[in-house]
């Protein structure tokens, strides 16, 4: 882990307070999960705090959305009402970014997720998120694109309109001010 991937003790404590408050204010997202157990996991996985802080810094508002009994991991998703502001106006992946000759976006969803140490939500995860509230009612989010679609130059994204989760396609090199991506992290 490099120096840039570490948080000071003060930064860690500040982030933990934010996460605890969000956890307590949104119990419907994680029924039957206790904050003390999540905190205990975070305290022995301090390297994951940097990724959670990146999710928070880019306005993703990470929160616990489940527990995987098979892997003994808590699952965090970006739970901001709209696609995280600090991750918008980006194309899908590095290949798409390189393909653009003019008006290149600043980055790609796949690259940003990799740098943050998180995973882009796939379609199932995105649909599960939508069961916890209404997200992306004004924005959209890139979601993990199957290889066969990506191979043909496309990428998929989702949003929530008309009380329905929609999955759409676009060229992977496209980008819009209202499209970002949502991530997940396992701790």
C-alpha atoms as a PDB file:
ATOM      1  CA  UNK A   1       0.000   0.000   0.000  1.00  0.00           C
ATOM      2  CA  UNK A   2       1.465   3.352  -0.992  1.00  0.00           C
ATOM      3  CA  UNK A   3       1.419   6.486   1.143  1.00  0.00           C
ATOM      4  CA  UNK A   4      -1.365   7.928  -0.983  1.00  0.00           C
ATOM      5  CA  UNK A   5      -3.505   4.913  -0.081  1.00  0.00           C
ATOM      6  CA  UNK A   6      -3.308   5.564   3.663  1.00  0.00           C
ATOM      7  CA  UNK A   7      -5.463   7.727   5.871  1.00  0.00           C
ATOM      8  CA  UNK A   8      -4.284   9.453   9.021  1.00  0.00           C
ATOM      9  CA  UNK A   9      -5.843   8.342  12.308  1.00  0.00           C
ATOM     10  CA  UNK A  10      -7.905  11.558  12.299  1.00  0.00           C
ATOM     11  CA  UNK A  11      -9.165  10.885   8.761  1.00  0.00           C
ATOM     12  CA  UNK A  12     -10.042   7.301   9.711  1.00  0.00           C
ATOM     13  CA  UNK A  13     -11.987   8.395  12.784  1.00  0.00           C
ATOM     14  CA  UNK A  14     -13.827  11.096  10.828  1.00  0.00           C
ATOM     15  CA  UNK A  15     -14.803   8.608   8.121  1.00  0.00           C
ATOM     16  CA  UNK A  16     -15.958   6.032  10.685  1.00  0.00           C
ATOM     17  CA  UNK A  17     -18.228   8.645  12.290  1.00  0.00           C
ATOM     18  CA  UNK A  18     -19.760   9.479   8.905  1.00  0.00           C
ATOM     19  CA  UNK A  19     -20.274   5.791   8.085  1.00  0.00           C
ATOM     20  CA  UNK A  20     -21.821   5.083  11.491  1.00  0.00           C
ATOM     21  CA  UNK A  21     -24.232   8.019  11.198  1.00  0.00           C
ATOM     22  CA  UNK A  22     -25.266   6.941   7.691  1.00  0.00           C
ATOM     23  CA  UNK A  23     -25.673   3.354   8.909  1.00  0.00           C
ATOM     24  CA  UNK A  24     -27.910   4.439  11.819  1.00  0.00           C
ATOM     25  CA  UNK A  25     -29.988   6.761   9.612  1.00  0.00           C
ATOM     26  CA  UNK A  26     -30.665   4.086   6.970  1.00  0.00           C
ATOM     27  CA  UNK A  27     -31.420   0.892   8.891  1.00  0.00           C
ATOM     28  CA  UNK A  28     -33.762  -0.288   6.093  1.00  0.00           C
ATOM     29  CA  UNK A  29     -30.663  -0.938   3.948  1.00  0.00           C
ATOM     30  CA  UNK A  30     -29.150  -3.419   6.386  1.00  0.00           C
ATOM     31  CA  UNK A  31     -31.741  -4.994   8.655  1.00  0.00           C
ATOM     32  CA  UNK A  32     -30.301  -7.531  11.115  1.00  0.00           C
ATOM     33  CA  UNK A  33     -26.775  -6.104  10.789  1.00  0.00           C
ATOM     34  CA  UNK A  34     -25.147  -4.484  13.807  1.00  0.00           C
ATOM     35  CA  UNK A  35     -22.817  -1.494  13.466  1.00  0.00           C
ATOM     36  CA  UNK A  36     -20.495  -2.908  16.161  1.00  0.00           C
ATOM     37  CA  UNK A  37     -19.796  -5.953  13.976  1.00  0.00           C
ATOM     38  CA  UNK A  38     -19.208  -3.806  10.884  1.00  0.00           C
ATOM     39  CA  UNK A  39     -16.880  -1.574  12.885  1.00  0.00           C
ATOM     40  CA  UNK A  40     -14.946  -4.592  14.164  1.00  0.00           C
ATOM     41  CA  UNK A  41     -14.402  -5.721  10.542  1.00  0.00           C
ATOM     42  CA  UNK A  42     -13.313  -2.244   9.494  1.00  0.00           C
ATOM     43  CA  UNK A  43     -10.859  -2.015  12.378  1.00  0.00           C
ATOM     44  CA  UNK A  44      -9.030  -5.149  11.197  1.00  0.00           C
ATOM     45  CA  UNK A  45      -9.271  -4.102   7.531  1.00  0.00           C
ATOM     46  CA  UNK A  46      -7.957  -0.554   7.788  1.00  0.00           C
ATOM     47  CA  UNK A  47      -6.691  -0.692   4.186  1.00  0.00           C
ATOM     48  CA  UNK A  48     -10.347  -0.790   3.057  1.00  0.00           C
ATOM     49  CA  UNK A  49     -10.972   2.549   4.763  1.00  0.00           C
ATOM     50  CA  UNK A  50      -8.998   4.314   2.045  1.00  0.00           C
ATOM     51  CA  UNK A  51     -11.350   2.918  -0.623  1.00  0.00           C
ATOM     52  CA  UNK A  52     -14.403   3.859   1.446  1.00  0.00           C
ATOM     53  CA  UNK A  53     -12.947   7.331   1.854  1.00  0.00           C
ATOM     54  CA  UNK A  54     -12.527   7.597  -1.921  1.00  0.00           C
ATOM     55  CA  UNK A  55     -16.172   6.575  -2.318  1.00  0.00           C
ATOM     56  CA  UNK A  56     -17.107   9.275   0.195  1.00  0.00           C
ATOM     57  CA  UNK A  57     -14.776  11.913  -1.307  1.00  0.00           C
ATOM     58  CA  UNK A  58     -16.369  11.469  -4.738  1.00  0.00           C
ATOM     59  CA  UNK A  59     -19.829  11.833  -3.134  1.00  0.00           C
ATOM     60  CA  UNK A  60     -20.916   8.197  -3.396  1.00  0.00           C
ATOM     61  CA  UNK A  61     -22.192   8.066   0.196  1.00  0.00           C
ATOM     62  CA  UNK A  62     -21.149   4.433   0.830  1.00  0.00           C
ATOM     63  CA  UNK A  63     -23.327   2.361   3.149  1.00  0.00           C
ATOM     64  CA  UNK A  64     -23.649  -1.265   4.186  1.00  0.00           C
ATOM     65  CA  UNK A  65     -26.218  -3.090   2.057  1.00  0.00           C
ATOM     66  CA  UNK A  66     -25.622  -6.695   3.060  1.00  0.00           C
ATOM     67  CA  UNK A  67     -23.509  -9.460   4.521  1.00  0.00           C
ATOM     68  CA  UNK A  68     -22.143 -12.409   2.529  1.00  0.00           C
ATOM     69  CA  UNK A  69     -22.173 -15.411   4.867  1.00  0.00           C
ATOM     70  CA  UNK A  70     -20.047 -17.497   2.475  1.00  0.00           C
ATOM     71  CA  UNK A  71     -17.152 -15.032   2.497  1.00  0.00           C
ATOM     72  CA  UNK A  72     -17.870 -13.444   5.901  1.00  0.00           C
ATOM     73  CA  UNK A  73     -17.806  -9.963   4.316  1.00  0.00           C
ATOM     74  CA  UNK A  74     -19.951  -6.864   4.686  1.00  0.00           C
ATOM     75  CA  UNK A  75     -20.961  -5.298   1.375  1.00  0.00           C
ATOM     76  CA  UNK A  76     -20.909  -1.535   0.839  1.00  0.00           C
ATOM     77  CA  UNK A  77     -22.542   0.189  -2.165  1.00  0.00           C
ATOM     78  CA  UNK A  78     -22.597   3.824  -3.213  1.00  0.00           C
ATOM     79  CA  UNK A  79     -25.984   4.963  -1.904  1.00  0.00           C
ATOM     80  CA  UNK A  80     -26.064   8.605  -3.031  1.00  0.00           C
ATOM     81  CA  UNK A  81     -29.454   9.549  -4.458  1.00  0.00           C
ATOM     82  CA  UNK A  82     -27.895  10.354  -7.834  1.00  0.00           C
ATOM     83  CA  UNK A  83     -24.801   8.979  -9.557  1.00  0.00           C
ATOM     84  CA  UNK A  84     -21.789  10.244  -7.555  1.00  0.00           C
ATOM     85  CA  UNK A  85     -20.908  13.789  -8.622  1.00  0.00           C
ATOM     86  CA  UNK A  86     -17.182  13.193  -8.409  1.00  0.00           C
ATOM     87  CA  UNK A  87     -17.413  10.368 -10.949  1.00  0.00           C
ATOM     88  CA  UNK A  88     -19.491  11.823 -13.780  1.00  0.00           C
ATOM     89  CA  UNK A  89     -18.622  12.864 -17.336  1.00  0.00           C
ATOM     90  CA  UNK A  90     -16.525   9.753 -17.905  1.00  0.00           C
ATOM     91  CA  UNK A  91     -16.561   7.081 -20.583  1.00  0.00           C
ATOM     92  CA  UNK A  92     -16.721   3.374 -19.779  1.00  0.00           C
ATOM     93  CA  UNK A  93     -13.120   2.084 -19.915  1.00  0.00           C
ATOM     94  CA  UNK A  94      -9.543   2.914 -20.918  1.00  0.00           C
ATOM     95  CA  UNK A  95      -9.950   1.467 -24.420  1.00  0.00           C
ATOM     96  CA  UNK A  96     -12.920   3.768 -25.009  1.00  0.00           C
ATOM     97  CA  UNK A  97     -10.997   6.730 -23.604  1.00  0.00           C
ATOM     98  CA  UNK A  98      -8.087   6.063 -25.969  1.00  0.00           C
ATOM     99  CA  UNK A  99     -10.478   5.672 -28.919  1.00  0.00           C
ATOM    100  CA  UNK A 100     -11.787   9.224 -28.563  1.00  0.00           C
ATOM    101  CA  UNK A 101      -9.800  11.596 -30.740  1.00  0.00           C
ATOM    102  CA  UNK A 102     -11.513  14.819 -29.653  1.00  0.00           C
ATOM    103  CA  UNK A 103     -13.187  16.040 -26.473  1.00  0.00           C
ATOM    104  CA  UNK A 104     -11.815  13.242 -24.340  1.00  0.00           C
ATOM    105  CA  UNK A 105     -13.340  12.917 -20.871  1.00  0.00           C
ATOM    106  CA  UNK A 106     -11.006  13.173 -17.899  1.00  0.00           C
ATOM    107  CA  UNK A 107     -11.149   9.453 -17.103  1.00  0.00           C
ATOM    108  CA  UNK A 108     -13.111   6.213 -17.414  1.00  0.00           C
ATOM    109  CA  UNK A 109     -15.355   4.349 -14.994  1.00  0.00           C
ATOM    110  CA  UNK A 110     -13.265   1.170 -15.076  1.00  0.00           C
ATOM    111  CA  UNK A 111     -10.029   3.054 -14.431  1.00  0.00           C
ATOM    112  CA  UNK A 112     -11.483   5.144 -11.616  1.00  0.00           C
ATOM    113  CA  UNK A 113     -12.938   2.053  -9.914  1.00  0.00           C
ATOM    114  CA  UNK A 114      -9.590   0.286 -10.177  1.00  0.00           C
ATOM    115  CA  UNK A 115      -7.733   3.278  -8.720  1.00  0.00           C
ATOM    116  CA  UNK A 116     -10.272   3.500  -5.883  1.00  0.00           C
ATOM    117  CA  UNK A 117     -10.045  -0.215  -5.105  1.00  0.00           C
ATOM    118  CA  UNK A 118     -13.758  -0.826  -5.710  1.00  0.00           C
ATOM    119  CA  UNK A 119     -15.883  -2.769  -8.194  1.00  0.00           C
ATOM    120  CA  UNK A 120     -18.434  -1.276 -10.597  1.00  0.00           C
ATOM    121  CA  UNK A 121     -21.923  -2.541  -9.800  1.00  0.00           C
ATOM    122  CA  UNK A 122     -23.195  -5.212 -12.167  1.00  0.00           C
ATOM    123  CA  UNK A 123     -26.819  -5.358 -13.318  1.00  0.00           C
ATOM    124  CA  UNK A 124     -27.970  -7.647 -10.494  1.00  0.00           C
ATOM    125  CA  UNK A 125     -26.283  -5.469  -7.863  1.00  0.00           C
ATOM    126  CA  UNK A 126     -27.778  -2.326  -9.413  1.00  0.00           C
ATOM    127  CA  UNK A 127     -31.264  -3.850  -9.330  1.00  0.00           C
ATOM    128  CA  UNK A 128     -30.695  -4.899  -5.703  1.00  0.00           C
ATOM    129  CA  UNK A 129     -29.681  -1.336  -4.855  1.00  0.00           C
ATOM    130  CA  UNK A 130     -32.938  -0.073  -6.350  1.00  0.00           C
ATOM    131  CA  UNK A 131     -34.867  -2.294  -3.902  1.00  0.00           C
ATOM    132  CA  UNK A 132     -33.436  -0.157  -1.094  1.00  0.00           C
ATOM    133  CA  UNK A 133     -34.725   3.176  -2.427  1.00  0.00           C
ATOM    134  CA  UNK A 134     -35.018   5.234  -5.582  1.00  0.00           C
ATOM    135  CA  UNK A 135     -31.599   5.979  -7.039  1.00  0.00           C
ATOM    136  CA  UNK A 136     -30.593   7.676 -10.300  1.00  0.00           C
ATOM    137  CA  UNK A 137     -33.963   9.332 -10.940  1.00  0.00           C
ATOM    138  CA  UNK A 138     -32.196  12.236 -12.701  1.00  0.00           C
ATOM    139  CA  UNK A 139     -28.825  10.668 -13.554  1.00  0.00           C
ATOM    140  CA  UNK A 140     -27.574   7.334 -14.874  1.00  0.00           C
ATOM    141  CA  UNK A 141     -24.720   5.022 -13.922  1.00  0.00           C
ATOM    142  CA  UNK A 142     -22.426   2.841 -15.992  1.00  0.00           C
ATOM    143  CA  UNK A 143     -22.718  -0.785 -14.887  1.00  0.00           C
ATOM    144  CA  UNK A 144     -20.372  -3.697 -15.468  1.00  0.00           C
ATOM    145  CA  UNK A 145     -20.668  -4.585 -19.142  1.00  0.00           C
ATOM    146  CA  UNK A 146     -20.546  -8.194 -20.370  1.00  0.00           C
ATOM    147  CA  UNK A 147     -17.476  -8.941 -22.514  1.00  0.00           C
ATOM    148  CA  UNK A 148     -19.521  -9.785 -25.616  1.00  0.00           C
ATOM    149  CA  UNK A 149     -21.157  -6.329 -25.605  1.00  0.00           C
ATOM    150  CA  UNK A 150     -17.900  -4.545 -24.851  1.00  0.00           C
ATOM    151  CA  UNK A 151     -16.109  -6.442 -27.630  1.00  0.00           C
ATOM    152  CA  UNK A 152     -18.561  -4.892 -30.100  1.00  0.00           C
ATOM    153  CA  UNK A 153     -17.848  -1.357 -28.826  1.00  0.00           C
ATOM    154  CA  UNK A 154     -20.813  -0.986 -26.495  1.00  0.00           C
ATOM    155  CA  UNK A 155     -21.302  -0.551 -22.781  1.00  0.00           C
ATOM    156  CA  UNK A 156     -24.396  -0.585 -20.589  1.00  0.00           C
ATOM    157  CA  UNK A 157     -25.776   1.819 -18.031  1.00  0.00           C
ATOM    158  CA  UNK A 158     -28.860   2.014 -15.857  1.00  0.00           C
ATOM    159  CA  UNK A 159     -31.222   4.468 -14.262  1.00  0.00           C
ATOM    160  CA  UNK A 160     -34.610   4.571 -12.547  1.00  0.00           C
ATOM    161  CA  UNK A 161     -37.530   6.208 -14.354  1.00  0.00           C
ATOM    162  CA  UNK A 162     -41.306   5.637 -14.336  1.00  0.00           C
ATOM    163  CA  UNK A 163     -40.970   3.329 -11.304  1.00  0.00           C
ATOM    164  CA  UNK A 164     -38.786   1.020 -13.381  1.00  0.00           C
ATOM    165  CA  UNK A 165     -35.088   0.153 -13.546  1.00  0.00           C
ATOM    166  CA  UNK A 166     -33.924   0.586 -17.126  1.00  0.00           C
ATOM    167  CA  UNK A 167     -30.781  -0.919 -18.631  1.00  0.00           C
ATOM    168  CA  UNK A 168     -29.590   0.794 -21.798  1.00  0.00           C
ATOM    169  CA  UNK A 169     -26.666   0.626 -24.163  1.00  0.00           C
ATOM    170  CA  UNK A 170     -24.354   3.273 -25.539  1.00  0.00           C
ATOM    171  CA  UNK A 171     -20.988   3.427 -27.232  1.00  0.00           C
ATOM    172  CA  UNK A 172     -18.371   2.816 -24.537  1.00  0.00           C
ATOM    173  CA  UNK A 173     -16.632   6.048 -25.543  1.00  0.00           C
ATOM    174  CA  UNK A 174     -19.692   8.214 -24.875  1.00  0.00           C
ATOM    175  CA  UNK A 175     -19.921  10.362 -21.778  1.00  0.00           C
ATOM    176  CA  UNK A 176     -22.511  12.689 -20.317  1.00  0.00           C
ATOM    177  CA  UNK A 177     -22.565  15.194 -17.473  1.00  0.00           C
ATOM    178  CA  UNK A 178     -25.292  13.181 -15.748  1.00  0.00           C
ATOM    179  CA  UNK A 179     -23.663   9.736 -16.065  1.00  0.00           C
ATOM    180  CA  UNK A 180     -21.143   8.322 -13.630  1.00  0.00           C
ATOM    181  CA  UNK A 181     -20.819   4.944 -11.966  1.00  0.00           C
ATOM    182  CA  UNK A 182     -21.620   3.286  -8.672  1.00  0.00           C
ATOM    183  CA  UNK A 183     -19.264   0.953  -6.887  1.00  0.00           C
ATOM    184  CA  UNK A 184     -19.179  -1.768  -4.293  1.00  0.00           C
ATOM    185  CA  UNK A 185     -16.623  -2.785  -1.704  1.00  0.00           C
ATOM    186  CA  UNK A 186     -16.441  -5.924   0.408  1.00  0.00           C
ATOM    187  CA  UNK A 187     -14.985  -5.767   3.903  1.00  0.00           C
END
